[in-house]
Amino acid sequence: MFGDVRRGRRPSFDQAMEPIAAESLYEAFVASLRRSGLRVETGRFRAMMRVRADNDGPVTILIDSRKLF
């Protein structure tokens, strides 16, 4: 599940996977991409990161308010 924004502006991640299961899924996804020949860079899973970005152009965020469950 993605961040749920139905109750305000900030996304809620209450329904997110448990960290151990999420890391396993993440590693499987990265391995799958690498097997397909893509170059994939990763960091430390769940690490606090300071990210600096310079966006030149529009940003699109899809917000779907339909409840799936």
N, C-alpha and C. Protein backbone atom coordinates (compact mmCIF):
# COMPACT_ATOMS: atom_id res chain seq x y z
N MET A 1 0.84 -1.18 0.00
CA MET A 1 0.00 0.00 0.00
C MET A 1 0.88 1.24 0.00
N PHE A 2 0.44 2.25 -0.69
CA PHE A 2 1.13 3.52 -0.72
C PHE A 2 0.70 4.36 0.48
N GLY A 3 1.25 5.55 0.61
CA GLY A 3 0.83 6.44 1.68
C GLY A 3 -0.63 6.84 1.52
N ASP A 4 -1.40 6.71 2.55
CA ASP A 4 -2.83 6.99 2.53
C ASP A 4 -3.05 8.45 2.92
N VAL A 5 -3.64 9.24 2.03
CA VAL A 5 -3.86 10.67 2.29
C VAL A 5 -5.35 11.00 2.42
N ARG A 6 -6.16 10.01 2.74
CA ARG A 6 -7.60 10.28 2.85
C ARG A 6 -7.96 11.08 4.10
N ARG A 7 -7.09 11.14 5.09
CA ARG A 7 -7.42 11.84 6.34
C ARG A 7 -6.53 13.06 6.56
N GLY A 8 -6.14 13.74 5.54
CA GLY A 8 -5.31 14.93 5.70
C GLY A 8 -4.27 15.02 4.61
N ARG A 9 -3.36 15.95 4.76
CA ARG A 9 -2.35 16.19 3.73
C ARG A 9 -1.14 15.27 3.83
N ARG A 10 -0.81 14.85 5.03
CA ARG A 10 0.37 14.01 5.20
C ARG A 10 0.00 12.55 5.04
N PRO A 11 0.77 11.78 4.26
CA PRO A 11 0.43 10.37 4.07
C PRO A 11 0.61 9.55 5.34
N SER A 12 -0.28 8.62 5.53
CA SER A 12 -0.18 7.68 6.65
C SER A 12 0.35 6.36 6.11
N PHE A 13 1.27 5.76 6.80
CA PHE A 13 1.83 4.47 6.39
C PHE A 13 1.48 3.39 7.40
N ASP A 14 0.34 3.55 8.08
CA ASP A 14 -0.10 2.59 9.10
C ASP A 14 -0.25 1.18 8.55
N GLN A 15 -0.62 1.06 7.29
CA GLN A 15 -0.86 -0.25 6.69
C GLN A 15 0.38 -0.81 5.98
N ALA A 16 1.53 -0.21 6.20
CA ALA A 16 2.77 -0.66 5.56
C ALA A 16 3.19 -2.02 6.10
N MET A 17 4.01 -2.73 5.31
CA MET A 17 4.53 -4.03 5.74
C MET A 17 5.44 -3.87 6.94
N GLU A 18 5.59 -4.94 7.70
CA GLU A 18 6.57 -4.96 8.78
C GLU A 18 7.96 -4.82 8.18
N PRO A 19 8.90 -4.17 8.86
CA PRO A 19 10.22 -3.89 8.29
C PRO A 19 10.97 -5.10 7.75
N ILE A 20 10.95 -6.23 8.44
CA ILE A 20 11.70 -7.40 7.97
C ILE A 20 11.13 -7.92 6.66
N ALA A 21 9.80 -8.02 6.59
CA ALA A 21 9.15 -8.48 5.35
C ALA A 21 9.35 -7.48 4.23
N ALA A 22 9.27 -6.19 4.55
CA ALA A 22 9.45 -5.15 3.54
C ALA A 22 10.86 -5.17 2.97
N GLU A 23 11.85 -5.37 3.83
CA GLU A 23 13.24 -5.42 3.34
C GLU A 23 13.45 -6.62 2.43
N SER A 24 12.86 -7.75 2.78
CA SER A 24 12.97 -8.94 1.95
C SER A 24 12.35 -8.70 0.57
N LEU A 25 11.18 -8.08 0.54
CA LEU A 25 10.51 -7.76 -0.73
C LEU A 25 11.35 -6.78 -1.54
N TYR A 26 11.91 -5.78 -0.87
CA TYR A 26 12.77 -4.79 -1.52
C TYR A 26 13.99 -5.46 -2.16
N GLU A 27 14.65 -6.34 -1.40
CA GLU A 27 15.83 -7.04 -1.93
C GLU A 27 15.47 -7.92 -3.13
N ALA A 28 14.32 -8.58 -3.08
CA ALA A 28 13.87 -9.41 -4.20
C ALA A 28 13.60 -8.55 -5.43
N PHE A 29 13.01 -7.38 -5.23
CA PHE A 29 12.74 -6.47 -6.33
C PHE A 29 14.03 -5.98 -6.97
N VAL A 30 14.99 -5.59 -6.14
CA VAL A 30 16.29 -5.13 -6.65
C VAL A 30 16.98 -6.24 -7.42
N ALA A 31 16.96 -7.46 -6.89
CA ALA A 31 17.58 -8.60 -7.57
C ALA A 31 16.92 -8.87 -8.91
N SER A 32 15.61 -8.74 -8.96
CA SER A 32 14.89 -8.95 -10.22
C SER A 32 15.29 -7.92 -11.27
N LEU A 33 15.41 -6.67 -10.86
CA LEU A 33 15.84 -5.62 -11.78
C LEU A 33 17.26 -5.90 -12.29
N ARG A 34 18.14 -6.30 -11.40
CA ARG A 34 19.52 -6.59 -11.81
C ARG A 34 19.59 -7.77 -12.76
N ARG A 35 18.77 -8.81 -12.51
CA ARG A 35 18.74 -9.98 -13.42
C ARG A 35 18.28 -9.58 -14.82
N SER A 36 17.44 -8.55 -14.89
CA SER A 36 16.96 -8.10 -16.20
C SER A 36 17.98 -7.25 -16.92
N GLY A 37 19.14 -7.01 -16.27
CA GLY A 37 20.21 -6.27 -16.92
C GLY A 37 20.29 -4.80 -16.54
N LEU A 38 19.41 -4.35 -15.70
CA LEU A 38 19.45 -2.95 -15.28
C LEU A 38 20.51 -2.73 -14.22
N ARG A 39 21.14 -1.58 -14.28
CA ARG A 39 22.08 -1.19 -13.24
C ARG A 39 21.27 -0.56 -12.12
N VAL A 40 21.42 -1.08 -10.92
CA VAL A 40 20.63 -0.61 -9.79
C VAL A 40 21.58 -0.22 -8.66
N GLU A 41 21.41 0.98 -8.15
CA GLU A 41 22.17 1.45 -7.00
C GLU A 41 21.24 1.43 -5.79
N THR A 42 21.75 1.04 -4.66
CA THR A 42 20.94 1.02 -3.45
C THR A 42 21.70 1.64 -2.30
N GLY A 43 20.96 1.95 -1.27
CA GLY A 43 21.54 2.45 -0.03
C GLY A 43 21.23 1.47 1.07
N ARG A 44 21.23 1.95 2.28
CA ARG A 44 20.87 1.10 3.42
C ARG A 44 19.37 1.17 3.64
N PHE A 45 18.72 0.03 3.69
CA PHE A 45 17.27 -0.02 3.88
C PHE A 45 16.90 0.57 5.24
N ARG A 46 15.90 1.43 5.28
CA ARG A 46 15.38 2.08 6.48
C ARG A 46 16.34 3.08 7.11
N ALA A 47 17.40 3.45 6.42
CA ALA A 47 18.36 4.41 6.97
C ALA A 47 17.81 5.82 6.83
N MET A 48 18.15 6.65 7.78
CA MET A 48 17.80 8.06 7.69
C MET A 48 18.69 8.68 6.63
N MET A 49 18.11 9.40 5.68
CA MET A 49 18.90 9.98 4.61
C MET A 49 18.54 11.44 4.42
N ARG A 50 19.53 12.22 4.13
CA ARG A 50 19.30 13.61 3.75
C ARG A 50 19.46 13.65 2.23
N VAL A 51 18.40 14.03 1.55
CA VAL A 51 18.40 14.02 0.09
C VAL A 51 18.24 15.44 -0.42
N ARG A 52 19.07 15.79 -1.34
CA ARG A 52 18.96 17.10 -1.99
C ARG A 52 18.60 16.85 -3.45
N ALA A 53 17.56 17.52 -3.91
CA ALA A 53 17.11 17.32 -5.28
C ALA A 53 16.88 18.67 -5.95
N ASP A 54 17.19 18.72 -7.22
CA ASP A 54 16.95 19.90 -8.03
C ASP A 54 16.07 19.47 -9.19
N ASN A 55 14.77 19.71 -9.06
CA ASN A 55 13.83 19.31 -10.10
C ASN A 55 13.64 20.43 -11.09
N ASP A 56 13.71 20.10 -12.35
CA ASP A 56 13.51 21.07 -13.41
C ASP A 56 12.32 20.60 -14.24
N GLY A 57 11.15 20.95 -13.82
CA GLY A 57 9.96 20.53 -14.55
C GLY A 57 8.83 20.19 -13.60
N PRO A 58 7.70 19.82 -14.16
CA PRO A 58 6.53 19.53 -13.33
C PRO A 58 6.68 18.21 -12.57
N VAL A 59 6.00 18.15 -11.47
CA VAL A 59 5.95 16.93 -10.66
C VAL A 59 4.50 16.49 -10.59
N THR A 60 4.25 15.22 -10.80
CA THR A 60 2.90 14.69 -10.74
C THR A 60 2.80 13.70 -9.60
N ILE A 61 1.85 13.92 -8.70
CA ILE A 61 1.59 13.00 -7.61
C ILE A 61 0.18 12.48 -7.78
N LEU A 62 0.03 11.18 -7.93
CA LEU A 62 -1.28 10.57 -8.09
C LEU A 62 -1.87 10.30 -6.72
N ILE A 63 -3.03 10.87 -6.44
CA ILE A 63 -3.73 10.63 -5.18
C ILE A 63 -5.04 9.95 -5.53
N ASP A 64 -5.16 8.71 -5.12
CA ASP A 64 -6.37 7.93 -5.37
C ASP A 64 -7.09 7.76 -4.04
N SER A 65 -8.26 8.35 -3.91
CA SER A 65 -8.97 8.34 -2.63
C SER A 65 -9.90 7.14 -2.46
N ARG A 66 -9.94 6.24 -3.43
CA ARG A 66 -10.81 5.07 -3.30
C ARG A 66 -10.25 4.10 -2.26
N LYS A 67 -11.10 3.62 -1.41
CA LYS A 67 -10.68 2.64 -0.42
C LYS A 67 -10.67 1.27 -1.09
N LEU A 68 -9.53 0.56 -1.02
CA LEU A 68 -9.40 -0.72 -1.70
C LEU A 68 -9.83 -1.89 -0.85
N PHE A 69 -9.90 -1.76 0.45
CA PHE A 69 -10.24 -2.89 1.31
C PHE A 69 -11.55 -2.63 2.00
